[in-house]
Amino acid sequence: MATQKTTILTLPEEEFVHPGNRACAGCGLSIVYRTGLKALGRNTILVVPPSCLTVLQGLYPIASTQLPCLNVTFASTAAAATGVLGALRAQKRPDVQVAAWAGDGGTSDIGLQALSGACERGENFIFICYDNEAYMNTGVQRSGTTPQHVLTTTTPISGKHQRKKDVPAIIAAHNIDYVATASAAYPLDFYDKVCKAKTISGPKYIHVHTPCPAGWGFSARHTVKIGRLAVETGLFDLYELENGKFQLTGASEKLLGKKRKPVSKYFATQSRFRGLDKEKIEALQTEVDEKWAAYEKIAEGVC
């Protein structure tokens, strides 16, 4: 099933986020959140662990969101969403959408066990991970999805030694019907994927690349530019896995058969990559090139 193509003219005008919130200037999450709630609609219950999103939404009794939200412990997001689904079944309200919304720390690290269990059980909710590639809310500590060599407050000298954890692939290994990636720099693509996820029964997972000016070290006005550059260099890919079938989407699909921008252009935009030397950059470029060579073969039907 092809993803529908929403344009800025067909995007719903109704807003579910109030104009004021506590997000940092240029926060990529604010773009993702505003767009995602438009796709989810008013008949939705949110489940959110400690994260930048709890800051953005605001502390009781003030809230920037107009939707009901259950704030839960770091590790229990998917388990709590399962509980909300159970309560809705008891009330005979299958029409209410449940959406778990967590950061990369609450997804790839602390919340992964509960998410894995929910996927194995086949729980009918959407899980959205906004990936700003570190524990930003508590001081920019490295997470499982922090890229290799990135400088954080817990990897301040030589950067993170380990590679970025591929969470979408981990979730896809559970054989759920829908896994997708998206980017804050391409909000309409994200909107369409959330809309599609709503039509599919069972667990759905969407992983959203979310630039963070404060944590990544760039000017707040460049959030969308840097998010797009991650895609244009092939470092972050937009795709869907629907019923096990892989397909690049949007801006990533358009890169097939074309020359991508060098990864060095992306690294040069952020202070967190200042520890990279020429040798490391070349090695990372090789990794990206090999990944895209595999994509080309898939597109050609070779594998």
C-alpha atoms as a PDB file:
ATOM      1  CA  MET A   1       0.000   0.000   0.000  1.00  0.00           C
ATOM      2  CA  ALA A   2       1.607   3.281  -1.086  1.00  0.00           C
ATOM      3  CA  THR A   3       1.815   6.095   1.426  1.00  0.00           C
ATOM      4  CA  GLN A   4      -0.543   8.960   0.663  1.00  0.00           C
ATOM      5  CA  LYS A   5       1.121  12.254  -0.206  1.00  0.00           C
ATOM      6  CA  THR A   6       0.014  15.130   1.984  1.00  0.00           C
ATOM      7  CA  THR A   7       0.927  18.678   0.989  1.00  0.00           C
ATOM      8  CA  ILE A   8       1.029  21.823   3.081  1.00  0.00           C
ATOM      9  CA  LEU A   9      -2.304  22.739   1.476  1.00  0.00           C
ATOM     10  CA  THR A  10      -4.009  19.502   2.516  1.00  0.00           C
ATOM     11  CA  LEU A  11      -2.520  19.291   6.021  1.00  0.00           C
ATOM     12  CA  PRO A  12      -5.337  19.689   8.596  1.00  0.00           C
ATOM     13  CA  GLU A  13      -5.560  23.185  10.063  1.00  0.00           C
ATOM     14  CA  GLU A  14      -6.755  22.079  13.512  1.00  0.00           C
ATOM     15  CA  GLU A  15      -4.007  22.398  16.135  1.00  0.00           C
ATOM     16  CA  PHE A  16      -3.640  20.157  19.180  1.00  0.00           C
ATOM     17  CA  VAL A  17      -0.693  22.040  20.667  1.00  0.00           C
ATOM     18  CA  HIS A  18      -1.092  25.477  22.238  1.00  0.00           C
ATOM     19  CA  PRO A  19       1.193  28.252  20.888  1.00  0.00           C
ATOM     20  CA  GLY A  20       3.374  28.393  24.000  1.00  0.00           C
ATOM     21  CA  ASN A  21       5.577  25.573  25.308  1.00  0.00           C
ATOM     22  CA  ARG A  22       8.834  25.047  27.200  1.00  0.00           C
ATOM     23  CA  ALA A  23      10.864  23.604  24.317  1.00  0.00           C
ATOM     24  CA  CYS A  24      14.261  25.088  23.474  1.00  0.00           C
ATOM     25  CA  ALA A  25      14.500  27.469  20.522  1.00  0.00           C
ATOM     26  CA  GLY A  26      14.733  25.504  17.288  1.00  0.00           C
ATOM     27  CA  CYS A  27      13.673  22.234  18.938  1.00  0.00           C
ATOM     28  CA  GLY A  28      13.090  19.550  16.303  1.00  0.00           C
ATOM     29  CA  LEU A  29      10.675  17.786  18.655  1.00  0.00           C
ATOM     30  CA  SER A  30       8.278  20.728  18.544  1.00  0.00           C
ATOM     31  CA  ILE A  31       7.953  20.210  14.764  1.00  0.00           C
ATOM     32  CA  VAL A  32       7.465  16.466  15.143  1.00  0.00           C
ATOM     33  CA  TYR A  33       4.973  16.788  17.993  1.00  0.00           C
ATOM     34  CA  ARG A  34       2.788  19.408  16.323  1.00  0.00           C
ATOM     35  CA  THR A  35       2.660  17.434  13.072  1.00  0.00           C
ATOM     36  CA  GLY A  36       2.198  14.044  14.722  1.00  0.00           C
ATOM     37  CA  LEU A  37      -0.766  15.181  16.807  1.00  0.00           C
ATOM     38  CA  LYS A  38      -2.469  16.456  13.647  1.00  0.00           C
ATOM     39  CA  ALA A  39      -2.174  12.932  12.248  1.00  0.00           C
ATOM     40  CA  LEU A  40      -3.281  11.187  15.451  1.00  0.00           C
ATOM     41  CA  GLY A  41      -6.316  13.411  15.953  1.00  0.00           C
ATOM     42  CA  ARG A  42      -8.290  14.394  19.029  1.00  0.00           C
ATOM     43  CA  ASN A  43      -9.514  10.891  19.860  1.00  0.00           C
ATOM     44  CA  THR A  44      -6.100   9.870  21.180  1.00  0.00           C
ATOM     45  CA  ILE A  45      -4.515   9.127  24.547  1.00  0.00           C
ATOM     46  CA  LEU A  46      -0.779   9.771  24.844  1.00  0.00           C
ATOM     47  CA  VAL A  47       1.645   7.836  27.050  1.00  0.00           C
ATOM     48  CA  VAL A  48       4.926   9.672  27.723  1.00  0.00           C
ATOM     49  CA  PRO A  49       7.936   8.820  29.931  1.00  0.00           C
ATOM     50  CA  PRO A  50      10.419  11.356  31.401  1.00  0.00           C
ATOM     51  CA  SER A  51      11.936  13.153  28.416  1.00  0.00           C
ATOM     52  CA  CYS A  52      12.196  16.457  26.585  1.00  0.00           C
ATOM     53  CA  LEU A  53       8.551  15.925  25.685  1.00  0.00           C
ATOM     54  CA  THR A  54       7.474  16.157  29.315  1.00  0.00           C
ATOM     55  CA  VAL A  55       9.249  19.523  29.402  1.00  0.00           C
ATOM     56  CA  LEU A  56       7.653  20.653  26.143  1.00  0.00           C
ATOM     57  CA  GLN A  57       4.188  19.638  27.333  1.00  0.00           C
ATOM     58  CA  GLY A  58       4.605  21.458  30.638  1.00  0.00           C
ATOM     59  CA  LEU A  59       4.124  20.569  34.287  1.00  0.00           C
ATOM     60  CA  TYR A  60       0.714  20.225  35.944  1.00  0.00           C
ATOM     61  CA  PRO A  61      -1.553  22.193  35.950  1.00  0.00           C
ATOM     62  CA  ILE A  62      -0.170  23.796  32.769  1.00  0.00           C
ATOM     63  CA  ALA A  63       0.003  21.837  29.518  1.00  0.00           C
ATOM     64  CA  SER A  64       0.807  22.756  25.930  1.00  0.00           C
ATOM     65  CA  THR A  65      -1.061  19.749  24.550  1.00  0.00           C
ATOM     66  CA  GLN A  66      -4.831  19.522  24.239  1.00  0.00           C
ATOM     67  CA  LEU A  67      -4.854  15.716  24.365  1.00  0.00           C
ATOM     68  CA  PRO A  68      -5.062  13.516  27.492  1.00  0.00           C
ATOM     69  CA  CYS A  69      -1.603  12.317  28.473  1.00  0.00           C
ATOM     70  CA  LEU A  70      -0.428   9.700  30.957  1.00  0.00           C
ATOM     71  CA  ASN A  71       3.068  10.492  32.258  1.00  0.00           C
ATOM     72  CA  VAL A  72       4.815   7.292  33.328  1.00  0.00           C
ATOM     73  CA  THR A  73       8.175   6.023  34.555  1.00  0.00           C
ATOM     74  CA  PHE A  74      11.124   5.782  32.181  1.00  0.00           C
ATOM     75  CA  ALA A  75      11.011   2.018  31.682  1.00  0.00           C
ATOM     76  CA  SER A  76       7.255   1.503  31.536  1.00  0.00           C
ATOM     77  CA  THR A  77       6.037   3.402  28.453  1.00  0.00           C
ATOM     78  CA  ALA A  78       4.936   0.395  26.376  1.00  0.00           C
ATOM     79  CA  ALA A  79       3.685  -1.473  29.449  1.00  0.00           C
ATOM     80  CA  ALA A  80       1.594   1.525  30.505  1.00  0.00           C
ATOM     81  CA  ALA A  81       0.224   1.867  26.965  1.00  0.00           C
ATOM     82  CA  THR A  82      -0.790  -1.795  27.221  1.00  0.00           C
ATOM     83  CA  GLY A  83      -2.638  -0.968  30.432  1.00  0.00           C
ATOM     84  CA  VAL A  84      -4.458   1.944  28.794  1.00  0.00           C
ATOM     85  CA  LEU A  85      -5.539  -0.380  25.979  1.00  0.00           C
ATOM     86  CA  GLY A  86      -6.860  -2.848  28.551  1.00  0.00           C
ATOM     87  CA  ALA A  87      -8.879  -0.123  30.253  1.00  0.00           C
ATOM     88  CA  LEU A  88     -10.323   0.992  26.915  1.00  0.00           C
ATOM     89  CA  ARG A  89     -11.321  -2.596  26.110  1.00  0.00           C
ATOM     90  CA  ALA A  90     -13.078  -2.861  29.463  1.00  0.00           C
ATOM     91  CA  GLN A  91     -14.955   0.350  28.649  1.00  0.00           C
ATOM     92  CA  LYS A  92     -15.743  -0.969  25.154  1.00  0.00           C
ATOM     93  CA  ARG A  93     -13.992   1.988  23.511  1.00  0.00           C
ATOM     94  CA  PRO A  94     -11.942   0.460  20.668  1.00  0.00           C
ATOM     95  CA  ASP A  95     -12.173   3.717  18.711  1.00  0.00           C
ATOM     96  CA  VAL A  96      -9.667   5.531  20.943  1.00  0.00           C
ATOM     97  CA  GLN A  97      -6.108   5.586  19.585  1.00  0.00           C
ATOM     98  CA  VAL A  98      -3.255   4.985  22.044  1.00  0.00           C
ATOM     99  CA  ALA A  99       0.114   6.495  21.141  1.00  0.00           C
ATOM    100  CA  ALA A 100       3.270   6.008  23.178  1.00  0.00           C
ATOM    101  CA  TRP A 101       5.768   8.789  22.577  1.00  0.00           C
ATOM    102  CA  ALA A 102       9.308   8.500  23.971  1.00  0.00           C
ATOM    103  CA  GLY A 103      12.814   9.776  23.406  1.00  0.00           C
ATOM    104  CA  ASP A 104      15.730   7.620  22.305  1.00  0.00           C
ATOM    105  CA  GLY A 105      16.832   6.922  25.873  1.00  0.00           C
ATOM    106  CA  GLY A 106      13.348   5.840  26.897  1.00  0.00           C
ATOM    107  CA  THR A 107      13.117   3.684  23.775  1.00  0.00           C
ATOM    108  CA  SER A 108      16.496   2.245  22.827  1.00  0.00           C
ATOM    109  CA  ASP A 109      17.808   1.788  26.358  1.00  0.00           C
ATOM    110  CA  ILE A 110      15.575   2.049  29.423  1.00  0.00           C
ATOM    111  CA  GLY A 111      12.263   1.272  27.701  1.00  0.00           C
ATOM    112  CA  LEU A 112      13.356  -1.417  25.235  1.00  0.00           C
ATOM    113  CA  GLN A 113      12.307  -4.405  27.350  1.00  0.00           C
ATOM    114  CA  ALA A 114       8.710  -3.204  27.728  1.00  0.00           C
ATOM    115  CA  LEU A 115       8.545  -2.267  24.040  1.00  0.00           C
ATOM    116  CA  SER A 116       9.847  -5.678  22.992  1.00  0.00           C
ATOM    117  CA  GLY A 117       7.271  -7.408  25.170  1.00  0.00           C
ATOM    118  CA  ALA A 118       4.430  -5.313  23.783  1.00  0.00           C
ATOM    119  CA  CYS A 119       5.500  -6.047  20.205  1.00  0.00           C
ATOM    120  CA  GLU A 120       5.706  -9.775  20.933  1.00  0.00           C
ATOM    121  CA  ARG A 121       2.200  -9.707  22.433  1.00  0.00           C
ATOM    122  CA  GLY A 122       0.815  -7.758  19.485  1.00  0.00           C
ATOM    123  CA  GLU A 123      -0.516  -4.768  21.428  1.00  0.00           C
ATOM    124  CA  ASN A 124      -2.538  -2.375  19.268  1.00  0.00           C
ATOM    125  CA  PHE A 125      -0.779   0.963  19.747  1.00  0.00           C
ATOM    126  CA  ILE A 126       1.584   3.296  17.916  1.00  0.00           C
ATOM    127  CA  PHE A 127       5.021   3.785  19.441  1.00  0.00           C
ATOM    128  CA  ILE A 128       6.839   6.918  18.271  1.00  0.00           C
ATOM    129  CA  CYS A 129      10.500   7.402  19.170  1.00  0.00           C
ATOM    130  CA  TYR A 130      11.858  10.896  18.644  1.00  0.00           C
ATOM    131  CA  ASP A 131      15.589  10.334  18.341  1.00  0.00           C
ATOM    132  CA  ASN A 132      17.725  13.348  19.283  1.00  0.00           C
ATOM    133  CA  GLU A 133      20.612  10.928  19.791  1.00  0.00           C
ATOM    134  CA  ALA A 134      21.380  11.510  23.491  1.00  0.00           C
ATOM    135  CA  TYR A 135      19.762  12.055  26.885  1.00  0.00           C
ATOM    136  CA  MET A 136      19.191  15.739  26.198  1.00  0.00           C
ATOM    137  CA  ASN A 137      16.776  16.561  29.023  1.00  0.00           C
ATOM    138  CA  THR A 138      19.295  15.566  31.703  1.00  0.00           C
ATOM    139  CA  GLY A 139      22.447  17.074  30.244  1.00  0.00           C
ATOM    140  CA  VAL A 140      23.415  15.487  26.891  1.00  0.00           C
ATOM    141  CA  GLN A 141      24.617  12.071  28.079  1.00  0.00           C
ATOM    142  CA  ARG A 142      25.263   9.384  25.462  1.00  0.00           C
ATOM    143  CA  SER A 143      22.454   6.937  24.671  1.00  0.00           C
ATOM    144  CA  GLY A 144      22.274   3.754  22.638  1.00  0.00           C
ATOM    145  CA  THR A 145      21.396   5.780  19.544  1.00  0.00           C
ATOM    146  CA  THR A 146      24.177   8.348  19.918  1.00  0.00           C
ATOM    147  CA  PRO A 147      26.308   8.048  16.742  1.00  0.00           C
ATOM    148  CA  GLN A 148      29.835   6.724  16.946  1.00  0.00           C
ATOM    149  CA  HIS A 149      32.553   9.290  17.814  1.00  0.00           C
ATOM    150  CA  VAL A 150      30.062  11.905  19.072  1.00  0.00           C
ATOM    151  CA  LEU A 151      31.134  14.029  22.030  1.00  0.00           C
ATOM    152  CA  THR A 152      28.687  14.091  24.941  1.00  0.00           C
ATOM    153  CA  THR A 153      29.009  14.930  28.627  1.00  0.00           C
ATOM    154  CA  THR A 154      29.690  11.251  29.339  1.00  0.00           C
ATOM    155  CA  THR A 155      31.993  10.799  26.325  1.00  0.00           C
ATOM    156  CA  PRO A 156      33.746  14.194  26.458  1.00  0.00           C
ATOM    157  CA  ILE A 157      37.256  13.381  25.251  1.00  0.00           C
ATOM    158  CA  SER A 158      37.375  10.747  22.508  1.00  0.00           C
ATOM    159  CA  GLY A 159      33.641  10.515  21.831  1.00  0.00           C
ATOM    160  CA  LYS A 160      31.392   7.462  21.932  1.00  0.00           C
ATOM    161  CA  HIS A 161      33.263   4.340  20.832  1.00  0.00           C
ATOM    162  CA  GLN A 162      30.217   2.219  19.957  1.00  0.00           C
ATOM    163  CA  ARG A 163      28.082   2.458  16.838  1.00  0.00           C
ATOM    164  CA  LYS A 164      24.529   3.794  16.893  1.00  0.00           C
ATOM    165  CA  LYS A 165      21.974   1.176  17.894  1.00  0.00           C
ATOM    166  CA  ASP A 166      19.615   0.341  15.007  1.00  0.00           C
ATOM    167  CA  VAL A 167      16.340   0.347  16.927  1.00  0.00           C
ATOM    168  CA  PRO A 168      13.998   0.104  13.892  1.00  0.00           C
ATOM    169  CA  ALA A 169      15.808  -3.101  12.849  1.00  0.00           C
ATOM    170  CA  ILE A 170      15.463  -4.495  16.372  1.00  0.00           C
ATOM    171  CA  ILE A 171      11.727  -3.801  16.363  1.00  0.00           C
ATOM    172  CA  ALA A 172      11.366  -5.150  12.826  1.00  0.00           C
ATOM    173  CA  ALA A 173      12.859  -8.427  14.069  1.00  0.00           C
ATOM    174  CA  HIS A 174       9.660  -8.859  16.098  1.00  0.00           C
ATOM    175  CA  ASN A 175       7.807  -9.315  12.779  1.00  0.00           C
ATOM    176  CA  ILE A 176       5.267  -6.573  13.422  1.00  0.00           C
ATOM    177  CA  ASP A 177       3.294  -5.260  10.443  1.00  0.00           C
ATOM    178  CA  TYR A 178       4.588  -1.693  10.327  1.00  0.00           C
ATOM    179  CA  VAL A 179       7.962  -0.109  11.071  1.00  0.00           C
ATOM    180  CA  ALA A 180       8.952   3.253   9.616  1.00  0.00           C
ATOM    181  CA  THR A 181      11.535   5.998   9.931  1.00  0.00           C
ATOM    182  CA  ALA A 182      10.909   9.711   9.567  1.00  0.00           C
ATOM    183  CA  SER A 183      12.600  13.058  10.125  1.00  0.00           C
ATOM    184  CA  ALA A 184      11.630  16.331  11.751  1.00  0.00           C
ATOM    185  CA  ALA A 185      12.961  17.992   8.601  1.00  0.00           C
ATOM    186  CA  TYR A 186      10.300  16.212   6.498  1.00  0.00           C
ATOM    187  CA  PRO A 187       7.136  16.641   8.599  1.00  0.00           C
ATOM    188  CA  LEU A 188       4.681  15.785   5.827  1.00  0.00           C
ATOM    189  CA  ASP A 189       6.361  12.412   5.319  1.00  0.00           C
ATOM    190  CA  PHE A 190       6.053  11.818   9.062  1.00  0.00           C
ATOM    191  CA  TYR A 191       2.388  12.883   9.006  1.00  0.00           C
ATOM    192  CA  ASP A 192       1.587  10.393   6.253  1.00  0.00           C
ATOM    193  CA  LYS A 193       3.321   7.563   8.104  1.00  0.00           C
ATOM    194  CA  VAL A 194       1.400   8.221  11.316  1.00  0.00           C
ATOM    195  CA  CYS A 195      -1.844   8.298   9.315  1.00  0.00           C
ATOM    196  CA  LYS A 196      -0.958   4.944   7.755  1.00  0.00           C
ATOM    197  CA  ALA A 197      -0.044   3.463  11.132  1.00  0.00           C
ATOM    198  CA  LYS A 198      -3.531   4.327  12.419  1.00  0.00           C
ATOM    199  CA  THR A 199      -5.068   2.050   9.771  1.00  0.00           C
ATOM    200  CA  ILE A 200      -3.005  -1.001  10.784  1.00  0.00           C
ATOM    201  CA  SER A 201      -3.925  -3.321  13.652  1.00  0.00           C
ATOM    202  CA  GLY A 202      -1.299  -4.393  16.171  1.00  0.00           C
ATOM    203  CA  PRO A 203       1.913  -2.642  17.258  1.00  0.00           C
ATOM    204  CA  LYS A 204       3.330   0.041  14.974  1.00  0.00           C
ATOM    205  CA  TYR A 205       6.738   1.690  15.404  1.00  0.00           C
ATOM    206  CA  ILE A 206       7.967   4.995  13.925  1.00  0.00           C
ATOM    207  CA  HIS A 207      11.526   6.228  14.560  1.00  0.00           C
ATOM    208  CA  VAL A 208      11.965   9.971  13.979  1.00  0.00           C
ATOM    209  CA  HIS A 209      15.342  11.673  13.540  1.00  0.00           C
ATOM    210  CA  THR A 210      15.052  14.853  15.610  1.00  0.00           C
ATOM    211  CA  PRO A 211      17.828  17.501  15.480  1.00  0.00           C
ATOM    212  CA  CYS A 212      18.640  19.220  18.795  1.00  0.00           C
ATOM    213  CA  PRO A 213      20.457  22.598  18.584  1.00  0.00           C
ATOM    214  CA  ALA A 214      21.517  22.624  22.233  1.00  0.00           C
ATOM    215  CA  GLY A 215      22.786  19.051  22.332  1.00  0.00           C
ATOM    216  CA  TRP A 216      24.282  18.842  18.835  1.00  0.00           C
ATOM    217  CA  GLY A 217      25.935  22.240  18.822  1.00  0.00           C
ATOM    218  CA  PHE A 218      24.403  24.272  16.005  1.00  0.00           C
ATOM    219  CA  SER A 219      22.394  27.470  15.635  1.00  0.00           C
ATOM    220  CA  ALA A 220      18.677  27.089  16.356  1.00  0.00           C
ATOM    221  CA  ARG A 221      17.788  28.489  12.943  1.00  0.00           C
ATOM    222  CA  HIS A 222      19.410  25.515  11.164  1.00  0.00           C
ATOM    223  CA  THR A 223      17.281  22.664  12.578  1.00  0.00           C
ATOM    224  CA  VAL A 224      15.511  21.780   9.338  1.00  0.00           C
ATOM    225  CA  LYS A 225      18.642  22.352   7.232  1.00  0.00           C
ATOM    226  CA  ILE A 226      20.661  19.900   9.337  1.00  0.00           C
ATOM    227  CA  GLY A 227      17.842  17.362   9.453  1.00  0.00           C
ATOM    228  CA  ARG A 228      17.642  17.427   5.664  1.00  0.00           C
ATOM    229  CA  LEU A 229      21.410  17.129   5.369  1.00  0.00           C
ATOM    230  CA  ALA A 230      21.351  13.906   7.404  1.00  0.00           C
ATOM    231  CA  VAL A 231      19.024  12.450   4.776  1.00  0.00           C
ATOM    232  CA  GLU A 232      20.792  13.962   1.761  1.00  0.00           C
ATOM    233  CA  THR A 233      24.117  12.437   2.828  1.00  0.00           C
ATOM    234  CA  GLY A 234      22.494   9.038   3.356  1.00  0.00           C
ATOM    235  CA  LEU A 235      23.377   8.937   7.053  1.00  0.00           C
ATOM    236  CA  PHE A 236      19.715   8.737   8.040  1.00  0.00           C
ATOM    237  CA  ASP A 237      17.259   6.989   5.734  1.00  0.00           C
ATOM    238  CA  LEU A 238      13.510   7.425   5.325  1.00  0.00           C
ATOM    239  CA  TYR A 239      11.800   4.078   4.798  1.00  0.00           C
ATOM    240  CA  GLU A 240       8.886   1.795   5.582  1.00  0.00           C
ATOM    241  CA  LEU A 241       8.774  -1.884   6.425  1.00  0.00           C
ATOM    242  CA  GLU A 242       5.202  -2.926   5.768  1.00  0.00           C
ATOM    243  CA  ASN A 243       4.398  -6.607   6.266  1.00  0.00           C
ATOM    244  CA  GLY A 244       8.128  -7.288   5.989  1.00  0.00           C
ATOM    245  CA  LYS A 245       8.540  -5.441   2.687  1.00  0.00           C
ATOM    246  CA  PHE A 246      11.210  -2.739   2.688  1.00  0.00           C
ATOM    247  CA  GLN A 247      10.846   0.475   0.705  1.00  0.00           C
ATOM    248  CA  LEU A 248      12.707   3.772   0.829  1.00  0.00           C
ATOM    249  CA  THR A 249      10.332   6.727   0.910  1.00  0.00           C
ATOM    250  CA  GLY A 250      10.262  10.419   0.154  1.00  0.00           C
ATOM    251  CA  ALA A 251      13.611  12.175  -0.097  1.00  0.00           C
ATOM    252  CA  SER A 252      15.549   8.943   0.442  1.00  0.00           C
ATOM    253  CA  GLU A 253      13.786   7.160  -2.407  1.00  0.00           C
ATOM    254  CA  LYS A 254      14.721  10.057  -4.689  1.00  0.00           C
ATOM    255  CA  LEU A 255      18.409   9.489  -3.885  1.00  0.00           C
ATOM    256  CA  LEU A 256      18.471   6.043  -5.505  1.00  0.00           C
ATOM    257  CA  GLY A 257      20.808   6.109  -8.476  1.00  0.00           C
ATOM    258  CA  LYS A 258      21.981   9.632  -7.682  1.00  0.00           C
ATOM    259  CA  LYS A 259      25.060  11.091  -6.043  1.00  0.00           C
ATOM    260  CA  ARG A 260      24.629  11.859  -2.360  1.00  0.00           C
ATOM    261  CA  LYS A 261      26.270  14.714  -0.505  1.00  0.00           C
ATOM    262  CA  PRO A 262      29.442  13.691   1.368  1.00  0.00           C
ATOM    263  CA  VAL A 263      28.955  12.882   5.053  1.00  0.00           C
ATOM    264  CA  SER A 264      31.680  15.398   5.910  1.00  0.00           C
ATOM    265  CA  LYS A 265      29.235  18.229   5.089  1.00  0.00           C
ATOM    266  CA  TYR A 266      26.887  16.969   7.800  1.00  0.00           C
ATOM    267  CA  PHE A 267      29.617  16.487  10.399  1.00  0.00           C
ATOM    268  CA  ALA A 268      30.956  19.999   9.789  1.00  0.00           C
ATOM    269  CA  THR A 269      27.665  21.600  10.871  1.00  0.00           C
ATOM    270  CA  GLN A 270      27.763  20.393  14.503  1.00  0.00           C
ATOM    271  CA  SER A 271      30.236  20.814  17.336  1.00  0.00           C
ATOM    272  CA  ARG A 272      29.497  17.322  18.685  1.00  0.00           C
ATOM    273  CA  PHE A 273      31.506  15.887  15.753  1.00  0.00           C
ATOM    274  CA  ARG A 274      34.575  18.058  16.332  1.00  0.00           C
ATOM    275  CA  GLY A 275      36.579  14.997  17.443  1.00  0.00           C
ATOM    276  CA  LEU A 276      36.355  13.400  14.004  1.00  0.00           C
ATOM    277  CA  ASP A 277      39.547  13.195  11.966  1.00  0.00           C
ATOM    278  CA  LYS A 278      39.934  12.499   8.242  1.00  0.00           C
ATOM    279  CA  GLU A 279      40.432   8.763   8.752  1.00  0.00           C
ATOM    280  CA  LYS A 280      37.240   8.393  10.796  1.00  0.00           C
ATOM    281  CA  ILE A 281      35.228  10.438   8.320  1.00  0.00           C
ATOM    282  CA  GLU A 282      36.445   8.270   5.436  1.00  0.00           C
ATOM    283  CA  ALA A 283      35.503   5.114   7.352  1.00  0.00           C
ATOM    284  CA  LEU A 284      32.014   6.451   8.027  1.00  0.00           C
ATOM    285  CA  GLN A 285      31.623   7.457   4.376  1.00  0.00           C
ATOM    286  CA  THR A 286      32.525   3.901   3.370  1.00  0.00           C
ATOM    287  CA  GLU A 287      29.864   2.502   5.715  1.00  0.00           C
ATOM    288  CA  VAL A 288      27.218   4.769   4.196  1.00  0.00           C
ATOM    289  CA  ASP A 289      28.294   3.906   0.644  1.00  0.00           C
ATOM    290  CA  GLU A 290      28.069   0.171   1.387  1.00  0.00           C
ATOM    291  CA  LYS A 291      24.622   0.586   2.909  1.00  0.00           C
ATOM    292  CA  TRP A 292      23.378   2.446  -0.135  1.00  0.00           C
ATOM    293  CA  ALA A 293      24.917  -0.090  -2.504  1.00  0.00           C
ATOM    294  CA  ALA A 294      22.697  -2.652  -0.778  1.00  0.00           C
ATOM    295  CA  TYR A 295      19.680  -0.368  -1.239  1.00  0.00           C
ATOM    296  CA  GLU A 296      20.441  -0.092  -4.952  1.00  0.00           C
ATOM    297  CA  LYS A 297      20.432  -3.891  -5.228  1.00  0.00           C
ATOM    298  CA  ILE A 298      17.095  -4.114  -3.424  1.00  0.00           C
ATOM    299  CA  ALA A 299      15.632  -1.501  -5.785  1.00  0.00           C
ATOM    300  CA  GLU A 300      16.925  -3.463  -8.778  1.00  0.00           C
ATOM    301  CA  GLY A 301      15.450  -6.666  -7.397  1.00  0.00           C
ATOM    302  CA  VAL A 302      18.860  -8.322  -7.066  1.00  0.00           C
ATOM    303  CA  CYS A 303      18.259  -9.268  -3.432  1.00  0.00           C
END
